[in-house]
Amino acid sequence: MIELRGLTKRYGEKLAVDDLTFNVRPGLVTGFLGPNGAGKSTTMRMVLGLDIPSGGEVRIDGKPYDRLRDPLNYIGALLEAKAVHGGRTARHHLLCLAQSNGIPERRVDEVLDLVGLSAVAKKRPKGFSLGMGQRLGIAGALLGDPSILMFDEPVNGLDPEGIHWIRNLMQHLASEGRTVFVSSHLMSEMALTAEHLVVIGQGRLLADTSMATFIAENSRAYVRVRTPEPERLREVLAAEGLAPAPGPEGAWEVEGARAEQIGELAARHRLVLHELSPQRASLEEAFMQLTAESVEYHAHGDGAPGREDGPAAGPEARGGADWGAGWKTKGK
């Protein structure tokens, strides 16, 4: 488990992380969301001891990171895919990490096979695409077979097959009882991967809740109804105390009632329905609603250059591996 207590980080007058307190629990994938500049990367760096907190503390399985012996056996992380020695081969890069953490050499070949890089193990990563670099970073995170995994934008640069692979991998790791903490700007993918969400804005905690609860509490839920007799339907709904609002394509949008209730009501009044569909906001819409006041860098609506930069795009990785192939565990 990862425990943050009052975690704070200042850079001069800039308060990057503001009194964050939350736990990242084992057994599920926890998504870490926030607008650009919210403090996500700084928080992750403090978890790994790469940045020193101005206040508060972080504990990894009950200990600060700098008190972990052979830390790769406790926590594996991917923060920057290209943070590798340019003169070493992919295998040598992983071998150096293994030797410094007391990890057997055979594990290097296991993780290379797992991430689909066995064929390029003897090549230097400086020639890798962004997607291949991501796979090498993931291999490094998995090297010590740790109980805690932390990923910052793990699908950046991956093709659809690679995105599907890392999603399955993270869910598989969590199903084994491991702690999986992942930051991403790709909301559609996060909605498919994470069960729990931690959301921050301008360094402050905005939400720490399940995916379902987050969407329910930060979005509008309604039922869309279309009929060839819209005015009659409106009268029937109004008689039941419901106030439908006009929607697209002549539909009514009804809040405060379930689709089943509206369908039964229409049937009693012999109303033909062409559409009866519950509507709920996506994770992206709920996220935008919650963080609207916390966005630090806004893009210009006229297309002029702004400071709102998304994750860097990169060439797609080629090749892949089934996450189950070659995956070894230590019964954690």
Protein backbone atom coordinates (compact mmCIF):
# COMPACT_ATOMS: atom_id res chain seq x y z
CA MET A 1 0.00 0.00 0.00
CA ILE A 2 1.03 3.61 -0.63
CA GLU A 3 0.15 6.06 2.16
CA LEU A 4 0.32 9.84 1.76
CA ARG A 5 -0.12 12.02 4.84
CA GLY A 6 -0.22 15.81 4.47
CA LEU A 7 2.14 15.64 1.50
CA THR A 8 3.20 19.13 0.42
CA LYS A 9 5.73 20.45 -2.09
CA ARG A 10 6.79 24.05 -2.74
CA TYR A 11 9.04 25.36 -5.48
CA GLY A 12 9.78 28.87 -4.30
CA GLU A 13 6.43 30.65 -4.17
CA LYS A 14 4.73 27.92 -6.20
CA LEU A 15 2.72 25.41 -4.15
CA ALA A 16 2.78 22.36 -6.41
CA VAL A 17 1.28 19.83 -3.98
CA ASP A 18 -0.97 21.02 -1.17
CA ASP A 19 -1.50 18.80 1.90
CA LEU A 20 -2.41 15.58 0.05
CA THR A 21 -3.70 12.73 2.21
CA PHE A 22 -4.93 9.46 0.69
CA ASN A 23 -4.13 5.74 0.46
CA VAL A 24 -3.54 3.64 -2.65
CA ARG A 25 -4.86 0.24 -1.66
CA PRO A 26 -3.89 -3.23 -2.93
CA GLY A 27 -6.17 -5.38 -5.03
CA LEU A 28 -7.46 -2.77 -7.46
CA VAL A 29 -6.28 -0.33 -10.12
CA THR A 30 -6.34 3.24 -8.77
CA GLY A 31 -6.42 5.98 -11.39
CA PHE A 32 -4.65 9.26 -10.64
CA LEU A 33 -6.27 12.15 -12.50
CA GLY A 34 -5.85 15.90 -12.68
CA PRO A 35 -5.43 18.71 -15.21
CA ASN A 36 -1.99 19.58 -16.54
CA GLY A 37 -0.01 21.26 -13.77
CA ALA A 38 -2.16 19.68 -11.03
CA GLY A 39 0.87 18.10 -9.31
CA LYS A 40 0.48 14.45 -10.34
CA SER A 41 4.04 13.91 -11.56
CA THR A 42 5.47 15.79 -8.56
CA THR A 43 3.44 13.58 -6.23
CA MET A 44 4.70 10.42 -7.92
CA ARG A 45 8.27 11.65 -7.75
CA MET A 46 7.91 12.25 -4.00
CA VAL A 47 6.56 8.71 -3.56
CA LEU A 48 9.84 7.46 -5.05
CA GLY A 49 12.04 9.86 -3.12
CA LEU A 50 13.08 11.71 -6.30
CA ASP A 51 11.71 14.97 -4.88
CA ILE A 52 11.89 15.84 -1.19
CA PRO A 53 8.54 16.91 0.34
CA SER A 54 8.29 20.36 1.89
CA GLY A 55 5.92 18.79 4.40
CA GLY A 56 4.13 15.56 5.18
CA GLU A 57 5.30 12.06 4.35
CA VAL A 58 4.88 9.05 2.06
CA ARG A 59 5.15 5.43 3.16
CA ILE A 60 5.59 2.35 0.98
CA ASP A 61 4.33 -0.71 2.84
CA GLY A 62 4.81 1.25 6.04
CA LYS A 63 8.31 2.63 5.28
CA PRO A 64 9.72 5.72 3.55
CA TYR A 65 11.20 4.87 0.15
CA ASP A 66 14.77 5.60 1.28
CA ARG A 67 14.49 2.94 4.00
CA LEU A 68 13.56 0.15 1.59
CA ARG A 69 16.31 -2.38 0.97
CA ASP A 70 16.42 -3.35 -2.73
CA PRO A 71 13.43 -1.05 -3.51
CA LEU A 72 12.63 -2.63 -6.90
CA ASN A 73 11.45 -5.67 -4.95
CA TYR A 74 8.83 -3.48 -3.24
CA ILE A 75 7.77 -0.91 -5.81
CA GLY A 76 8.26 -0.69 -9.57
CA ALA A 77 7.60 2.52 -11.44
CA LEU A 78 7.47 3.98 -14.93
CA LEU A 79 7.71 7.77 -14.79
CA GLU A 80 9.80 8.64 -17.85
CA ALA A 81 10.11 6.07 -20.63
CA LYS A 82 13.26 7.59 -22.14
CA ALA A 83 15.17 7.78 -18.84
CA VAL A 84 17.68 5.10 -19.87
CA HIS A 85 21.41 5.08 -20.57
CA GLY A 86 21.80 5.70 -24.32
CA GLY A 87 24.91 3.56 -24.64
CA ARG A 88 23.50 0.38 -23.11
CA THR A 89 21.39 -2.21 -24.84
CA ALA A 90 17.87 -2.85 -23.58
CA ARG A 91 19.01 -6.06 -21.89
CA HIS A 92 22.07 -4.44 -20.32
CA HIS A 93 19.93 -1.59 -18.99
CA LEU A 94 17.66 -4.07 -17.23
CA LEU A 95 20.60 -6.19 -16.10
CA CYS A 96 22.18 -3.20 -14.33
CA LEU A 97 18.89 -2.54 -12.54
CA ALA A 98 18.65 -6.21 -11.56
CA GLN A 99 22.20 -6.42 -10.22
CA SER A 100 21.78 -3.27 -8.12
CA ASN A 101 18.67 -4.72 -6.46
CA GLY A 102 19.71 -8.34 -5.94
CA ILE A 103 17.41 -9.65 -8.71
CA PRO A 104 18.43 -12.86 -10.56
CA GLU A 105 19.65 -12.39 -14.14
CA ARG A 106 17.03 -14.81 -15.50
CA ARG A 107 14.34 -12.27 -14.55
CA VAL A 108 15.72 -9.87 -17.18
CA ASP A 109 14.87 -12.24 -20.02
CA GLU A 110 11.48 -12.99 -18.47
CA VAL A 111 10.38 -9.36 -18.45
CA LEU A 112 11.79 -8.70 -21.92
CA ASP A 113 9.66 -11.55 -23.21
CA LEU A 114 6.66 -10.34 -21.22
CA VAL A 115 6.70 -6.87 -22.79
CA GLY A 116 7.46 -8.14 -26.30
CA LEU A 117 11.02 -6.82 -26.63
CA SER A 118 13.02 -10.07 -26.79
CA ALA A 119 13.80 -9.51 -30.47
CA VAL A 120 15.41 -6.11 -29.76
CA ALA A 121 17.07 -7.00 -26.43
CA LYS A 122 20.55 -6.34 -27.88
CA LYS A 123 19.64 -2.98 -29.44
CA ARG A 124 20.19 0.41 -27.83
CA PRO A 125 16.99 2.12 -26.61
CA LYS A 126 18.01 5.46 -28.14
CA GLY A 127 16.72 4.09 -31.44
CA PHE A 128 13.41 2.87 -29.98
CA SER A 129 10.06 4.40 -30.81
CA LEU A 130 8.12 6.00 -27.96
CA GLY A 131 5.96 2.88 -27.68
CA MET A 132 8.98 0.59 -27.48
CA GLY A 133 10.47 2.89 -24.85
CA GLN A 134 7.27 2.56 -22.85
CA ARG A 135 7.52 -1.23 -22.99
CA LEU A 136 11.12 -1.11 -21.78
CA GLY A 137 10.08 1.15 -18.91
CA ILE A 138 7.32 -1.25 -17.98
CA ALA A 139 9.83 -4.12 -18.06
CA GLY A 140 11.98 -2.20 -15.59
CA ALA A 141 9.00 -1.63 -13.31
CA LEU A 142 8.17 -5.35 -13.32
CA LEU A 143 11.76 -6.48 -12.88
CA GLY A 144 11.65 -7.05 -9.11
CA ASP A 145 8.19 -8.66 -9.22
CA PRO A 146 7.05 -5.96 -6.75
CA SER A 147 3.82 -5.79 -4.79
CA ILE A 148 3.35 -2.12 -5.80
CA LEU A 149 3.35 -0.76 -9.37
CA MET A 150 3.19 2.91 -10.30
CA PHE A 151 2.80 4.11 -13.90
CA ASP A 152 2.73 7.67 -15.30
CA GLU A 153 1.05 7.74 -18.74
CA PRO A 154 1.84 4.06 -19.47
CA VAL A 155 -0.11 3.90 -22.76
CA ASN A 156 1.59 6.93 -24.28
CA GLY A 157 2.92 5.91 -27.72
CA LEU A 158 1.35 2.46 -27.72
CA ASP A 159 -0.77 1.21 -30.61
CA PRO A 160 -4.27 -0.25 -29.92
CA GLU A 161 -2.86 -3.73 -29.32
CA GLY A 162 -0.33 -2.32 -26.87
CA ILE A 163 -2.99 -0.30 -25.04
CA HIS A 164 -5.14 -3.42 -24.68
CA TRP A 165 -2.10 -5.34 -23.42
CA ILE A 166 -1.15 -2.84 -20.70
CA ARG A 167 -4.80 -2.56 -19.59
CA ASN A 168 -5.01 -6.32 -19.14
CA LEU A 169 -1.62 -6.39 -17.43
CA MET A 170 -2.61 -3.76 -14.86
CA GLN A 171 -5.90 -5.47 -14.11
CA HIS A 172 -4.13 -8.82 -13.80
CA LEU A 173 -1.58 -7.36 -11.39
CA ALA A 174 -4.36 -5.91 -9.25
CA SER A 175 -6.24 -9.23 -9.30
CA GLU A 176 -3.16 -10.82 -7.70
CA GLY A 177 -3.53 -8.43 -4.75
CA ARG A 178 -0.92 -5.92 -5.87
CA THR A 179 -1.22 -2.15 -5.54
CA VAL A 180 -1.51 -0.50 -8.98
CA PHE A 181 -1.39 3.33 -9.20
CA VAL A 182 -1.68 4.81 -12.70
CA SER A 183 -1.80 8.37 -14.01
CA SER A 184 -3.21 9.08 -17.46
CA HIS A 185 -4.82 11.82 -19.55
CA LEU A 186 -6.59 9.22 -21.70
CA MET A 187 -9.99 9.22 -20.01
CA SER A 188 -11.60 6.58 -22.21
CA GLU A 189 -8.84 4.13 -21.31
CA MET A 190 -8.89 5.04 -17.63
CA ALA A 191 -12.65 4.37 -17.55
CA LEU A 192 -11.97 0.82 -18.78
CA THR A 193 -9.00 0.17 -16.48
CA ALA A 194 -9.44 1.79 -13.07
CA GLU A 195 -11.86 0.82 -10.31
CA HIS A 196 -10.93 3.64 -7.93
CA LEU A 197 -9.99 7.27 -8.61
CA VAL A 198 -7.89 9.88 -6.90
CA VAL A 199 -8.39 13.30 -8.50
CA ILE A 200 -6.34 16.40 -7.71
CA GLY A 201 -6.45 19.99 -8.95
CA GLN A 202 -3.87 22.71 -8.28
CA GLY A 203 -2.16 20.30 -5.90
CA ARG A 204 -5.24 19.71 -3.74
CA LEU A 205 -7.31 16.56 -3.33
CA LEU A 206 -10.66 16.83 -5.13
CA ALA A 207 -11.90 13.23 -5.00
CA ASP A 208 -10.92 9.85 -3.55
CA THR A 209 -13.70 7.45 -4.50
CA SER A 210 -14.82 4.58 -6.70
CA MET A 211 -15.17 5.08 -10.45
CA ALA A 212 -18.95 4.56 -10.31
CA THR A 213 -19.44 7.00 -7.44
CA PHE A 214 -17.23 9.62 -9.07
CA ILE A 215 -19.27 9.61 -12.29
CA ALA A 216 -22.59 9.54 -10.42
CA GLU A 217 -21.64 12.50 -8.19
CA ASN A 218 -20.17 14.66 -10.95
CA SER A 219 -22.57 14.17 -13.83
CA ARG A 220 -26.18 14.57 -14.83
CA ALA A 221 -28.21 11.38 -15.20
CA TYR A 222 -31.41 11.38 -17.22
CA VAL A 223 -33.55 9.27 -19.56
CA ARG A 224 -33.90 10.23 -23.22
CA VAL A 225 -37.33 9.51 -24.72
CA ARG A 226 -38.51 9.91 -28.34
CA THR A 227 -42.05 9.43 -29.56
CA PRO A 228 -44.14 10.46 -32.58
CA GLU A 229 -46.45 12.20 -30.05
CA PRO A 230 -44.03 14.43 -28.10
CA GLU A 231 -46.61 16.86 -26.70
CA ARG A 232 -48.84 14.09 -25.44
CA LEU A 233 -45.84 12.42 -23.78
CA ARG A 234 -44.93 15.73 -22.12
CA GLU A 235 -48.45 16.00 -20.70
CA VAL A 236 -48.35 12.42 -19.40
CA LEU A 237 -44.99 12.99 -17.72
CA ALA A 238 -46.08 16.33 -16.26
CA ALA A 239 -49.13 14.66 -14.73
CA GLU A 240 -46.70 12.40 -12.83
CA GLY A 241 -44.74 15.37 -11.53
CA LEU A 242 -41.92 15.02 -14.05
CA ALA A 243 -40.55 18.01 -15.98
CA PRO A 244 -39.05 16.85 -19.30
CA ALA A 245 -36.58 19.14 -21.05
CA PRO A 246 -36.28 19.37 -24.84
CA GLY A 247 -33.42 17.31 -26.27
CA PRO A 248 -31.89 16.70 -29.70
CA GLU A 249 -33.91 15.20 -32.57
CA GLY A 250 -37.23 16.01 -30.89
CA ALA A 251 -36.50 13.88 -27.82
CA TRP A 252 -37.38 14.65 -24.22
CA GLU A 253 -34.79 14.43 -21.45
CA VAL A 254 -36.32 13.30 -18.19
CA GLU A 255 -34.62 13.51 -14.80
CA GLY A 256 -35.87 11.92 -11.59
CA ALA A 257 -37.27 8.72 -13.10
CA ARG A 258 -35.92 5.37 -14.25
CA ALA A 259 -36.31 4.18 -17.83
CA GLU A 260 -38.52 1.31 -16.65
CA GLN A 261 -40.93 3.72 -14.97
CA ILE A 262 -41.23 5.86 -18.08
CA GLY A 263 -41.70 2.81 -20.30
CA GLU A 264 -44.51 1.47 -18.09
CA LEU A 265 -46.14 4.91 -18.00
CA ALA A 266 -46.05 5.15 -21.79
CA ALA A 267 -47.51 1.64 -22.11
CA ARG A 268 -50.45 2.52 -19.83
CA HIS A 269 -51.26 5.52 -22.04
CA ARG A 270 -50.70 3.57 -25.29
CA LEU A 271 -47.86 5.84 -26.35
CA VAL A 272 -45.47 4.53 -29.01
CA LEU A 273 -41.81 5.09 -28.10
CA HIS A 274 -39.02 5.23 -30.66
CA GLU A 275 -36.30 5.61 -28.03
CA LEU A 276 -36.04 4.99 -24.30
CA SER A 277 -32.43 5.17 -23.13
CA PRO A 278 -30.79 5.98 -19.79
CA GLN A 279 -28.01 8.55 -20.18
CA ARG A 280 -25.03 9.08 -17.90
CA ALA A 281 -21.98 11.22 -18.44
CA SER A 282 -18.67 9.65 -19.39
CA LEU A 283 -15.64 9.79 -17.09
CA GLU A 284 -14.29 12.61 -19.24
CA GLU A 285 -17.43 14.70 -18.78
CA ALA A 286 -17.51 14.06 -15.04
CA PHE A 287 -13.80 14.93 -14.79
CA MET A 288 -14.27 18.18 -16.71
CA GLN A 289 -17.19 19.11 -14.47
CA LEU A 290 -15.22 18.55 -11.25
CA THR A 291 -11.96 20.16 -12.36
CA ALA A 292 -13.35 23.15 -14.27
CA GLU A 293 -12.13 25.58 -11.61
CA SER A 294 -8.77 23.84 -11.20
CA VAL A 295 -7.40 24.06 -14.75
CA GLU A 296 -4.20 26.08 -14.64
CA TYR A 297 -3.33 26.15 -18.35
CA HIS A 298 -6.16 26.91 -20.77
CA ALA A 299 -5.96 26.44 -24.53
CA HIS A 300 -7.04 29.35 -26.73
CA GLY A 301 -10.38 28.78 -28.43
CA ASP A 302 -9.15 30.40 -31.64
CA GLY A 303 -6.39 27.85 -32.10
CA ALA A 304 -3.61 30.25 -31.08
CA PRO A 305 -0.70 28.70 -29.21
CA GLY A 306 -1.50 28.22 -25.55
CA ARG A 307 0.02 26.50 -22.53
CA GLU A 308 -2.33 23.54 -22.47
CA ASP A 309 -0.22 20.71 -23.81
CA GLY A 310 -1.41 17.12 -23.82
CA PRO A 311 0.81 14.07 -23.56
CA ALA A 312 3.32 13.81 -26.35
CA ALA A 313 2.27 11.68 -29.26
CA GLY A 314 4.73 9.18 -30.61
CA PRO A 315 5.12 6.42 -33.15
CA GLU A 316 3.28 3.26 -32.38
CA ALA A 317 5.13 0.34 -30.92
CA ARG A 318 5.38 -2.69 -33.12
CA GLY A 319 4.81 -6.21 -31.93
CA GLY A 320 3.42 -7.27 -28.61
CA ALA A 321 3.02 -10.02 -26.09
CA ASP A 322 0.22 -11.67 -24.23
CA TRP A 323 0.59 -10.47 -20.62
CA GLY A 324 0.24 -14.03 -19.41
CA ALA A 325 3.20 -15.34 -21.40
CA GLY A 326 6.29 -15.55 -19.25
CA TRP A 327 4.66 -13.82 -16.28
CA LYS A 328 6.22 -15.09 -13.06
CA THR A 329 4.98 -14.28 -9.59
CA LYS A 330 6.20 -14.84 -6.08
CA GLY A 331 2.79 -15.53 -4.61
CA LYS A 332 2.16 -11.94 -3.62
